[in-house]
Amino acid sequence: MINLPRRTMLKAGGAALASAASFQPLWAAQDPDVVVLGAGLAGLNAALLLEQFGLRVRVLEASTRMGGRLHTLDDVPGRPEAGGSQVGAAYARVVSTAQQLGLKLETSARSPLLRDESMVYFINGKRLTRDEWSRSPDNPFPTALRGMPPDRALGRLAGISPLKNISGWADPVNFRYDVPVSGELKAQGLANAALHLLEVNNGYGETLADTSLLNLYYVQTNIGEIVKIKGPVQNIVGGNQRLPEAMAKALKGDVRLNSRATAVDVGAKGVTVECADGTRHRARFVVCALPLPAMRNVRFSPGLPDRHAEAVQQLAYGQVTQFHLEVLKPFWESEGVSPYLWSDGPIERIFPQDAKGNGNAECLTVWINGAGTASWDVLGDADAQQRLMSELARIYPSSLGAVRLARRVAWQQSPLTGGAWANWRPGQISRYAQALGVPHGRLHFAGEHTGRAIRGMEAAMESGERAATEILGLL
């Protein structure tokens, strides 16, 4: 059984525990006390904590697997992660839950292929080493930033975060920074060539005008908080998706796959959820742990509050397209370079998947962010593969016939996710951050977009804990 963290127990109170223990279900004996929408980390953590206090829980998942945006590609050599790639030491809830469920964690190996000094740059149609790029006349960045990839330079150019703590990004006192980062960069007098490169592989907006300075400060503060916690970067043995699978297995109640919610009717005494397969599920409470794009296909009655409803329709999500290539032959060795790449061309990034850290990558992950995903997402698989191999050969001529496309993942193309992560545009943090996560009657909300502290997997776990505590506090 998962032990509820002490901070949650104090908040929920002993009265809630006593009330939950004597709780009588509102509906028929077969009905749960709480229905959870979404079998990602947020929904499953809420479900486990609610069950610990004696409530009966049913989880409805629209897809055919557990995990949501945590997805280990088990059918690809090397088992790369399509989402949720690392477990940092600061991910206290993630690490604790994995350990309590009997999962083993292992320190992520440091591959010689992923050293900064080994990165290959392909810019303006030229292949360069890091040293060559730092000295190139085409490099438009200040001296201190000339030896790093432009996407990393973006964080430096944004300036030192003024946030006093990790939750400061959602504090109204900092909303004055919720403006386009393009204004800050232009004020520094950066050349257009630098601004162009900064937009390539930008994970926080399709353009610099579409990127919130406050969101970059949140990212920067998040990194600062993570490095404060000493400890190794880890992964779950067998793949990080093993965590949500183990969480689902630990539940007493059922987890129903292929159960896509289409309507949620919130009444004075209970909630009814309708699914696309025609089933109806009644409970006293519902936890909605769906990404906002997925909520666009759900009818809520009564309708969500105006600001929350607007956020569902408008909040930006990160655009990420990946191609996972099985390595048939380590082509880069004959060229004396690494397959670790930063490029301003159609293939933006390549990350070699070298799980053992011995320099033998079984798989290469091509990673394309932001606006660059559009030209790939309009292509069918055959055309995308042909273009991919052609572009790869421009950079690494020896790659022809040395790799095979094993999997294509485009998070923004799935109606169940709509993107890789909540990606606040300028003005969206100040407009929506305080509206998300607020209960709507008997309907409670979870998901990484409602987290307040550490981002990513830990935010999802934190949000599930909060939603469960809200319900326990009402019993």
Protein backbone atom coordinates (compact mmCIF):
# COMPACT_ATOMS: atom_id res chain seq x y z
CA MET A 1 0.00 0.00 0.00
CA ILE A 2 1.22 3.53 -0.81
CA ASN A 3 1.84 5.55 2.32
CA LEU A 4 0.20 8.95 2.12
CA PRO A 5 2.82 11.68 2.63
CA ARG A 6 2.74 13.30 6.07
CA ARG A 7 1.99 16.76 4.63
CA THR A 8 -1.16 15.40 3.04
CA MET A 9 -2.25 13.59 6.18
CA LEU A 10 -1.92 16.79 8.17
CA LYS A 11 -3.88 18.72 5.60
CA ALA A 12 -6.63 16.15 5.20
CA GLY A 13 -6.82 15.67 8.96
CA GLY A 14 -7.79 12.77 11.13
CA ALA A 15 -11.44 13.76 10.80
CA ALA A 16 -11.34 13.01 7.10
CA LEU A 17 -9.88 9.57 7.79
CA ALA A 18 -12.62 8.76 10.25
CA SER A 19 -15.27 10.07 7.89
CA ALA A 20 -13.88 8.09 4.96
CA ALA A 21 -13.80 4.91 7.00
CA SER A 22 -17.51 5.19 7.72
CA PHE A 23 -18.43 6.56 4.31
CA GLN A 24 -21.54 5.08 2.74
CA PRO A 25 -21.68 5.08 -1.07
CA LEU A 26 -24.34 7.28 -2.63
CA TRP A 27 -25.15 4.92 -5.50
CA ALA A 28 -25.60 1.22 -5.97
CA ALA A 29 -23.15 -1.27 -4.47
CA GLN A 30 -21.29 -1.67 -7.77
CA ASP A 31 -20.69 2.06 -8.17
CA PRO A 32 -17.41 3.63 -7.00
CA ASP A 33 -17.12 6.55 -4.64
CA VAL A 34 -14.77 8.38 -7.01
CA VAL A 35 -14.29 8.15 -10.78
CA VAL A 36 -10.89 9.23 -12.05
CA LEU A 37 -10.49 10.29 -15.68
CA GLY A 38 -7.04 9.44 -17.01
CA ALA A 39 -4.53 6.71 -16.10
CA GLY A 40 -1.46 8.91 -16.15
CA LEU A 41 0.61 9.63 -13.06
CA ALA A 42 -1.78 12.32 -11.82
CA GLY A 43 -4.93 10.22 -12.00
CA LEU A 44 -3.32 7.05 -10.67
CA ASN A 45 -1.71 8.85 -7.73
CA ALA A 46 -5.07 10.39 -6.79
CA ALA A 47 -6.70 6.96 -7.05
CA LEU A 48 -4.12 5.25 -4.85
CA LEU A 49 -4.35 7.88 -2.13
CA LEU A 50 -8.15 7.85 -2.12
CA GLU A 51 -8.18 4.07 -1.80
CA GLN A 52 -5.79 4.30 1.11
CA PHE A 53 -8.51 6.20 2.96
CA GLY A 54 -11.11 3.55 2.22
CA LEU A 55 -12.85 5.01 -0.82
CA ARG A 56 -13.76 2.90 -3.81
CA VAL A 57 -12.24 4.21 -7.03
CA ARG A 58 -12.67 3.49 -10.73
CA VAL A 59 -10.19 4.82 -13.31
CA LEU A 60 -11.32 5.46 -16.89
CA GLU A 61 -8.57 5.65 -19.51
CA ALA A 62 -9.31 6.57 -23.12
CA SER A 63 -6.28 4.83 -24.66
CA THR A 64 -5.15 1.22 -24.73
CA ARG A 65 -2.35 1.57 -22.18
CA MET A 66 -1.43 3.09 -18.81
CA GLY A 67 0.80 6.10 -18.44
CA GLY A 68 -0.51 8.96 -20.56
CA ARG A 69 2.50 11.00 -21.66
CA LEU A 70 4.82 8.61 -19.84
CA HIS A 71 5.53 6.13 -22.62
CA THR A 72 8.35 3.60 -22.91
CA LEU A 73 8.72 2.32 -26.48
CA ASP A 74 9.14 -1.35 -25.61
CA ASP A 75 9.18 -2.46 -29.25
CA VAL A 76 12.14 -0.23 -30.17
CA PRO A 77 15.71 -1.41 -29.49
CA GLY A 78 17.04 0.22 -26.35
CA ARG A 79 13.51 0.97 -25.10
CA PRO A 80 13.70 4.76 -25.54
CA GLU A 81 11.30 7.00 -23.66
CA ALA A 82 8.88 8.99 -25.81
CA GLY A 83 7.92 11.01 -22.72
CA GLY A 84 9.09 11.28 -19.11
CA SER A 85 12.68 10.39 -19.95
CA GLN A 86 14.40 10.83 -16.56
CA VAL A 87 13.67 10.64 -12.84
CA GLY A 88 15.54 13.41 -11.05
CA ALA A 89 16.55 13.27 -7.39
CA ALA A 90 14.05 16.09 -6.71
CA TYR A 91 11.16 13.90 -7.90
CA ALA A 92 10.41 12.80 -4.35
CA ARG A 93 6.89 11.49 -4.98
CA VAL A 94 7.94 9.60 -8.10
CA VAL A 95 10.93 7.95 -6.39
CA SER A 96 9.01 7.12 -3.20
CA THR A 97 6.07 5.58 -5.06
CA ALA A 98 8.33 3.51 -7.30
CA GLN A 99 10.23 2.15 -4.32
CA GLN A 100 7.07 1.32 -2.36
CA LEU A 101 5.73 -0.59 -5.34
CA GLY A 102 8.88 -2.67 -5.55
CA LEU A 103 10.28 -1.10 -8.70
CA LYS A 104 14.02 -0.78 -9.03
CA LEU A 105 15.70 2.44 -10.09
CA GLU A 106 19.08 2.64 -11.75
CA THR A 107 21.40 5.56 -12.28
CA SER A 108 21.22 6.81 -15.85
CA ALA A 109 24.46 5.99 -17.61
CA ARG A 110 26.54 8.90 -18.91
CA SER A 111 27.23 8.14 -22.52
CA PRO A 112 30.45 9.35 -24.18
CA LEU A 113 28.24 10.06 -27.21
CA LEU A 114 26.34 12.74 -25.27
CA ARG A 115 29.25 14.93 -24.22
CA ASP A 116 28.84 18.61 -25.01
CA GLU A 117 32.28 18.74 -26.59
CA SER A 118 31.25 15.91 -28.94
CA MET A 119 28.07 17.59 -30.22
CA VAL A 120 27.85 18.01 -33.98
CA TYR A 121 26.44 21.29 -35.31
CA PHE A 122 24.81 21.49 -38.73
CA ILE A 123 24.04 25.15 -39.35
CA ASN A 124 23.56 27.00 -42.63
CA GLY A 125 24.18 23.72 -44.42
CA LYS A 126 27.64 23.20 -42.85
CA ARG A 127 28.70 20.47 -40.43
CA LEU A 128 30.86 21.80 -37.62
CA THR A 129 32.41 20.63 -34.38
CA ARG A 130 31.67 22.63 -31.22
CA ASP A 131 35.05 24.32 -31.48
CA GLU A 132 34.46 25.20 -35.13
CA TRP A 133 31.02 26.59 -34.34
CA SER A 134 32.39 28.73 -31.51
CA ARG A 135 34.87 30.31 -33.94
CA SER A 136 32.60 30.45 -36.98
CA PRO A 137 31.83 33.86 -38.56
CA ASP A 138 28.25 32.58 -38.85
CA ASN A 139 27.94 32.39 -35.05
CA PRO A 140 25.95 35.51 -34.07
CA PHE A 141 26.05 35.10 -30.28
CA PRO A 142 27.98 36.93 -27.57
CA THR A 143 31.40 35.47 -26.78
CA ALA A 144 30.28 33.71 -23.59
CA LEU A 145 27.54 31.84 -25.47
CA ARG A 146 29.28 30.92 -28.71
CA GLY A 147 30.27 27.44 -27.52
CA MET A 148 26.77 26.16 -26.69
CA PRO A 149 23.71 25.15 -28.72
CA PRO A 150 21.30 28.05 -29.33
CA ASP A 151 18.41 26.48 -27.44
CA ARG A 152 20.58 26.44 -24.32
CA ALA A 153 21.71 29.99 -24.99
CA LEU A 154 18.07 31.13 -24.91
CA GLY A 155 17.85 30.49 -21.17
CA ARG A 156 21.05 32.46 -20.56
CA LEU A 157 19.89 35.41 -22.65
CA ALA A 158 16.56 35.55 -20.83
CA GLY A 159 18.50 36.61 -17.74
CA ILE A 160 18.59 35.46 -14.14
CA SER A 161 15.18 34.42 -12.83
CA PRO A 162 13.67 36.94 -10.39
CA LEU A 163 11.42 34.24 -8.88
CA LYS A 164 12.15 33.83 -5.17
CA ASN A 165 10.86 30.25 -5.06
CA ILE A 166 9.63 27.50 -7.35
CA SER A 167 5.95 28.43 -6.95
CA GLY A 168 6.62 32.09 -7.71
CA TRP A 169 5.72 31.65 -11.37
CA ALA A 170 2.02 31.58 -10.40
CA ASP A 171 2.27 34.54 -8.00
CA PRO A 172 0.55 37.69 -9.34
CA VAL A 173 3.53 39.77 -8.20
CA ASN A 174 5.50 38.17 -11.07
CA PHE A 175 2.86 38.47 -13.77
CA ARG A 176 4.64 41.54 -15.16
CA TYR A 177 7.12 39.09 -16.68
CA ASP A 178 4.38 37.26 -18.58
CA VAL A 179 5.38 38.96 -21.82
CA PRO A 180 6.99 37.77 -25.07
CA VAL A 181 10.67 36.97 -24.62
CA SER A 182 11.26 38.49 -28.06
CA GLY A 183 10.99 41.96 -26.54
CA GLU A 184 13.72 41.22 -23.99
CA LEU A 185 16.02 39.78 -26.65
CA LYS A 186 15.52 42.63 -29.09
CA ALA A 187 16.26 45.10 -26.29
CA GLN A 188 19.65 43.40 -25.96
CA GLY A 189 20.38 44.26 -29.59
CA LEU A 190 20.71 40.67 -30.83
CA ALA A 191 21.10 40.27 -34.56
CA ASN A 192 18.31 38.73 -36.63
CA ALA A 193 20.54 35.72 -37.29
CA ALA A 194 20.72 35.08 -33.53
CA LEU A 195 16.96 35.49 -33.13
CA HIS A 196 16.40 32.98 -35.94
CA LEU A 197 18.61 30.35 -34.33
CA LEU A 198 17.00 30.89 -30.93
CA GLU A 199 13.63 29.99 -32.43
CA VAL A 200 14.90 26.65 -33.73
CA ASN A 201 14.11 23.76 -31.38
CA ASN A 202 12.56 26.17 -28.87
CA GLY A 203 10.67 23.91 -26.47
CA TYR A 204 8.62 26.74 -24.96
CA GLY A 205 6.94 28.38 -27.93
CA GLU A 206 6.65 28.10 -31.69
CA THR A 207 8.26 31.53 -32.06
CA LEU A 208 10.06 33.91 -29.68
CA ALA A 209 7.01 36.17 -29.80
CA ASP A 210 5.02 33.13 -28.71
CA THR A 211 7.33 32.38 -25.76
CA SER A 212 6.61 33.77 -22.30
CA LEU A 213 9.53 35.28 -20.42
CA LEU A 214 7.83 34.24 -17.17
CA ASN A 215 7.62 30.65 -18.38
CA LEU A 216 11.37 30.71 -19.11
CA TYR A 217 11.99 32.01 -15.59
CA TYR A 218 9.86 29.13 -14.28
CA VAL A 219 11.96 26.67 -16.27
CA GLN A 220 15.16 28.26 -14.98
CA THR A 221 13.95 28.21 -11.36
CA ASN A 222 12.83 24.61 -11.81
CA ILE A 223 16.33 23.59 -12.89
CA GLY A 224 17.76 25.46 -9.91
CA GLU A 225 15.48 23.59 -7.50
CA ILE A 226 16.33 20.25 -9.06
CA VAL A 227 20.08 20.69 -8.74
CA LYS A 228 19.71 21.59 -5.06
CA ILE A 229 18.74 17.99 -4.33
CA LYS A 230 21.90 15.94 -4.46
CA GLY A 231 21.54 12.57 -6.05
CA PRO A 232 21.78 10.77 -9.37
CA VAL A 233 19.47 11.08 -12.35
CA GLN A 234 17.70 7.73 -12.55
CA ASN A 235 15.37 5.61 -14.62
CA ILE A 236 13.08 2.78 -13.65
CA VAL A 237 14.51 -0.59 -14.61
CA GLY A 238 12.60 -1.85 -17.64
CA GLY A 239 11.33 1.60 -18.58
CA ASN A 240 9.62 4.48 -16.82
CA GLN A 241 6.20 3.32 -17.99
CA ARG A 242 6.53 0.48 -15.51
CA LEU A 243 5.63 3.01 -12.79
CA PRO A 244 2.06 3.81 -13.95
CA GLU A 245 1.56 0.14 -14.77
CA ALA A 246 2.54 -0.82 -11.23
CA MET A 247 0.35 1.93 -9.78
CA ALA A 248 -2.64 0.64 -11.73
CA LYS A 249 -1.94 -2.93 -10.64
CA ALA A 250 -1.81 -1.83 -6.99
CA LEU A 251 -5.35 -0.44 -7.14
CA LYS A 252 -8.19 -2.45 -5.65
CA GLY A 253 -10.69 -0.87 -8.01
CA ASP A 254 -10.73 -1.41 -11.73
CA VAL A 255 -8.94 0.53 -14.45
CA ARG A 256 -10.93 0.47 -17.67
CA LEU A 257 -9.03 1.06 -20.88
CA ASN A 258 -10.69 2.25 -24.11
CA SER A 259 -13.09 4.28 -21.96
CA ARG A 260 -13.09 7.81 -23.33
CA ALA A 261 -15.21 10.23 -21.34
CA THR A 262 -17.52 12.38 -23.48
CA ALA A 263 -19.70 14.03 -20.82
CA VAL A 264 -19.47 14.86 -17.12
CA ASP A 265 -22.69 15.90 -15.37
CA VAL A 266 -22.12 17.37 -11.92
CA GLY A 267 -25.12 17.29 -9.58
CA ALA A 268 -25.72 18.37 -6.02
CA LYS A 269 -25.27 14.84 -4.67
CA GLY A 270 -23.09 13.12 -7.25
CA VAL A 271 -21.50 13.04 -10.68
CA THR A 272 -22.26 10.99 -13.79
CA VAL A 273 -19.67 10.31 -16.49
CA GLU A 274 -20.69 9.15 -19.96
CA CYS A 275 -18.21 7.39 -22.24
CA ALA A 276 -17.96 7.04 -26.00
CA ASP A 277 -18.79 3.32 -25.70
CA GLY A 278 -22.18 4.20 -24.19
CA THR A 279 -21.36 3.28 -20.61
CA ARG A 280 -22.34 5.53 -17.68
CA HIS A 281 -20.42 5.75 -14.43
CA ARG A 282 -21.84 7.32 -11.28
CA ALA A 283 -19.93 8.40 -8.22
CA ARG A 284 -19.91 10.98 -5.50
CA PHE A 285 -16.83 12.75 -6.90
CA VAL A 286 -14.81 12.87 -10.11
CA VAL A 287 -11.12 13.64 -10.55
CA CYS A 288 -10.41 14.90 -14.07
CA ALA A 289 -6.74 14.26 -14.80
CA LEU A 290 -6.91 14.84 -18.55
CA PRO A 291 -4.67 17.21 -20.52
CA LEU A 292 -6.60 20.33 -21.51
CA PRO A 293 -6.72 19.44 -25.24
CA ALA A 294 -8.45 16.16 -24.32
CA MET A 295 -10.97 18.09 -22.23
CA ARG A 296 -12.03 19.95 -25.38
CA ASN A 297 -13.91 16.80 -26.39
CA VAL A 298 -15.76 16.47 -23.08
CA ARG A 299 -19.08 18.20 -22.34
CA PHE A 300 -19.25 19.51 -18.78
CA SER A 301 -22.61 20.29 -17.21
CA PRO A 302 -22.88 22.77 -15.71
CA GLY A 303 -20.19 24.37 -17.85
CA LEU A 304 -16.79 25.14 -16.37
CA PRO A 305 -16.21 28.65 -15.03
CA ASP A 306 -15.42 31.11 -17.84
CA ARG A 307 -11.68 31.43 -17.20
CA HIS A 308 -11.23 27.66 -16.83
CA ALA A 309 -13.30 26.95 -19.95
CA GLU A 310 -11.26 29.50 -21.89
CA ALA A 311 -8.01 27.86 -20.72
CA VAL A 312 -9.24 24.47 -21.96
CA GLN A 313 -9.65 25.93 -25.42
CA GLN A 314 -6.67 28.24 -25.55
CA LEU A 315 -3.76 26.99 -23.42
CA ALA A 316 -0.79 26.12 -25.60
CA TYR A 317 0.87 22.71 -25.47
CA GLY A 318 4.40 21.83 -26.54
CA GLN A 319 4.73 20.54 -30.09
CA VAL A 320 7.09 17.55 -30.19
CA THR A 321 7.66 15.15 -33.07
CA GLN A 322 10.08 12.26 -32.63
CA PHE A 323 11.57 9.67 -34.97
CA HIS A 324 13.20 6.70 -33.27
CA LEU A 325 15.81 5.08 -35.50
CA GLU A 326 17.15 1.58 -34.93
CA VAL A 327 20.91 1.58 -35.47
CA LEU A 328 21.93 -1.18 -37.88
CA LYS A 329 25.53 0.07 -38.09
CA PRO A 330 27.27 2.82 -36.06
CA PHE A 331 27.81 5.00 -39.14
CA TRP A 332 29.26 7.90 -37.16
CA GLU A 333 32.37 5.93 -36.24
CA SER A 334 33.63 5.89 -39.83
CA GLU A 335 33.20 9.68 -39.94
CA GLY A 336 34.94 10.23 -36.60
CA VAL A 337 32.06 12.14 -35.04
CA SER A 338 29.17 11.66 -32.61
CA PRO A 339 25.51 11.20 -33.61
CA TYR A 340 24.64 13.86 -30.99
CA LEU A 341 23.32 16.75 -33.12
CA TRP A 342 22.01 20.31 -33.06
CA SER A 343 20.80 21.66 -36.38
CA ASP A 344 18.85 24.57 -37.82
CA GLY A 345 17.56 22.26 -40.55
CA PRO A 346 14.51 19.95 -40.61
CA ILE A 347 16.28 17.46 -38.32
CA GLU A 348 16.73 19.67 -35.29
CA ARG A 349 18.16 17.38 -32.62
CA ILE A 350 19.46 13.83 -32.42
CA PHE A 351 19.97 12.06 -29.09
CA PRO A 352 21.78 8.70 -29.15
CA GLN A 353 20.14 6.19 -26.82
CA ASP A 354 23.07 4.57 -25.06
CA ALA A 355 21.52 3.04 -21.94
CA LYS A 356 24.68 1.22 -20.84
CA GLY A 357 26.93 4.23 -21.34
CA ASN A 358 29.46 2.28 -23.39
CA GLY A 359 29.15 4.27 -26.61
CA ASN A 360 27.05 1.63 -28.37
CA ALA A 361 23.77 3.34 -29.20
CA GLU A 362 21.01 0.93 -30.16
CA CYS A 363 18.69 3.74 -31.18
CA LEU A 364 18.83 7.38 -32.21
CA THR A 365 15.99 9.73 -31.29
CA VAL A 366 15.37 12.59 -33.70
CA TRP A 367 13.64 15.32 -31.69
CA ILE A 368 11.85 18.23 -33.35
CA ASN A 369 10.21 21.02 -31.33
CA GLY A 370 7.82 23.87 -31.92
CA ALA A 371 7.15 25.26 -35.39
CA GLY A 372 9.51 22.74 -36.99
CA THR A 373 7.04 19.92 -36.35
CA ALA A 374 4.50 21.25 -38.87
CA SER A 375 6.43 20.29 -42.01
CA TRP A 376 6.78 16.73 -40.73
CA ASP A 377 3.29 16.21 -39.39
CA VAL A 378 1.66 16.81 -42.79
CA LEU A 379 3.61 13.89 -44.29
CA GLY A 380 2.51 10.29 -44.36
CA ASP A 381 4.84 7.66 -42.96
CA ALA A 382 6.45 6.76 -46.28
CA ASP A 383 7.15 10.38 -47.28
CA ALA A 384 8.33 11.26 -43.78
CA GLN A 385 10.76 8.31 -43.79
CA GLN A 386 12.13 9.24 -47.22
CA ARG A 387 12.66 12.85 -46.16
CA LEU A 388 14.21 11.79 -42.87
CA MET A 389 16.77 9.51 -44.46
CA SER A 390 17.64 12.12 -47.09
CA GLU A 391 18.14 14.87 -44.52
CA LEU A 392 20.15 12.59 -42.26
CA ALA A 393 22.45 11.68 -45.16
CA ARG A 394 23.11 15.39 -45.81
CA ILE A 395 24.62 15.58 -42.34
CA TYR A 396 26.07 12.08 -42.06
CA PRO A 397 26.68 10.61 -45.55
CA SER A 398 27.52 7.20 -44.04
CA SER A 399 24.05 6.91 -42.49
CA LEU A 400 22.47 5.63 -45.72
CA GLY A 401 21.35 2.06 -45.09
CA ALA A 402 22.73 2.18 -41.54
CA VAL A 403 19.48 3.02 -39.71
CA ARG A 404 15.85 1.94 -39.83
CA LEU A 405 12.83 3.97 -38.78
CA ALA A 406 11.36 2.01 -35.86
CA ARG A 407 8.75 4.44 -34.49
CA ARG A 408 7.26 7.86 -35.12
CA VAL A 409 5.68 9.83 -32.25
CA ALA A 410 3.93 13.19 -32.63
CA TRP A 411 2.29 14.18 -29.34
CA GLN A 412 0.37 17.11 -30.82
CA GLN A 413 -1.37 14.86 -33.33
CA SER A 414 -3.09 12.77 -30.68
CA PRO A 415 -6.51 14.07 -29.55
CA LEU A 416 -5.85 12.41 -26.17
CA THR A 417 -2.81 14.60 -25.47
CA GLY A 418 -2.74 17.53 -27.88
CA GLY A 419 0.94 18.09 -27.15
CA ALA A 420 3.80 17.10 -24.88
CA TRP A 421 3.32 19.51 -21.95
CA ALA A 422 1.46 22.67 -20.98
CA ASN A 423 3.35 25.42 -22.78
CA TRP A 424 2.12 28.78 -21.52
CA ARG A 425 2.11 31.53 -24.17
CA PRO A 426 2.67 35.16 -23.15
CA GLY A 427 -0.26 36.29 -21.01
CA GLN A 428 -1.54 32.76 -20.33
CA ILE A 429 0.11 32.24 -16.95
CA SER A 430 -1.34 35.48 -15.60
CA ARG A 431 -4.74 34.70 -17.09
CA TYR A 432 -5.12 30.98 -16.40
CA ALA A 433 -2.67 29.70 -13.75
CA GLN A 434 -4.91 30.50 -10.79
CA ALA A 435 -8.07 29.22 -12.51
CA LEU A 436 -6.76 25.72 -13.26
CA GLY A 437 -7.05 23.17 -10.48
CA VAL A 438 -9.93 24.92 -8.72
CA PRO A 439 -12.75 22.39 -7.99
CA HIS A 440 -16.02 22.75 -9.86
CA GLY A 441 -18.56 21.42 -7.39
CA ARG A 442 -17.87 17.70 -7.04
CA LEU A 443 -15.47 17.80 -9.98
CA HIS A 444 -11.77 18.07 -9.06
CA PHE A 445 -8.80 18.56 -11.38
CA ALA A 446 -5.30 17.13 -11.63
CA GLY A 447 -2.56 16.96 -14.24
CA GLU A 448 0.88 18.47 -14.73
CA HIS A 449 -0.73 21.72 -15.92
CA THR A 450 -2.20 22.22 -12.43
CA GLY A 451 1.09 21.60 -10.59
CA ARG A 452 2.64 24.46 -8.65
CA ALA A 453 6.22 23.39 -7.95
CA ILE A 454 8.60 21.00 -9.73
CA ARG A 455 7.54 20.48 -13.34
CA GLY A 456 6.97 17.28 -15.31
CA MET A 457 6.34 13.90 -13.68
CA GLU A 458 6.59 15.33 -10.17
CA ALA A 459 3.99 18.00 -11.00
CA ALA A 460 1.62 15.27 -12.12
CA MET A 461 2.11 13.33 -8.88
CA GLU A 462 1.74 16.51 -6.80
CA SER A 463 -1.52 17.40 -8.54
CA GLY A 464 -3.02 13.96 -7.93
CA GLU A 465 -2.13 14.26 -4.26
CA ARG A 466 -3.82 17.68 -4.07
CA ALA A 467 -7.01 16.49 -5.79
CA ALA A 468 -7.27 13.50 -3.43
CA THR A 469 -6.74 15.75 -0.41
CA GLU A 470 -9.50 18.10 -1.57
CA ILE A 471 -11.97 15.22 -1.68
CA LEU A 472 -10.87 13.81 1.67
CA GLY A 473 -11.35 17.23 3.19
CA LEU A 474 -15.01 17.20 2.15
CA LEU A 475 -15.93 13.89 3.78
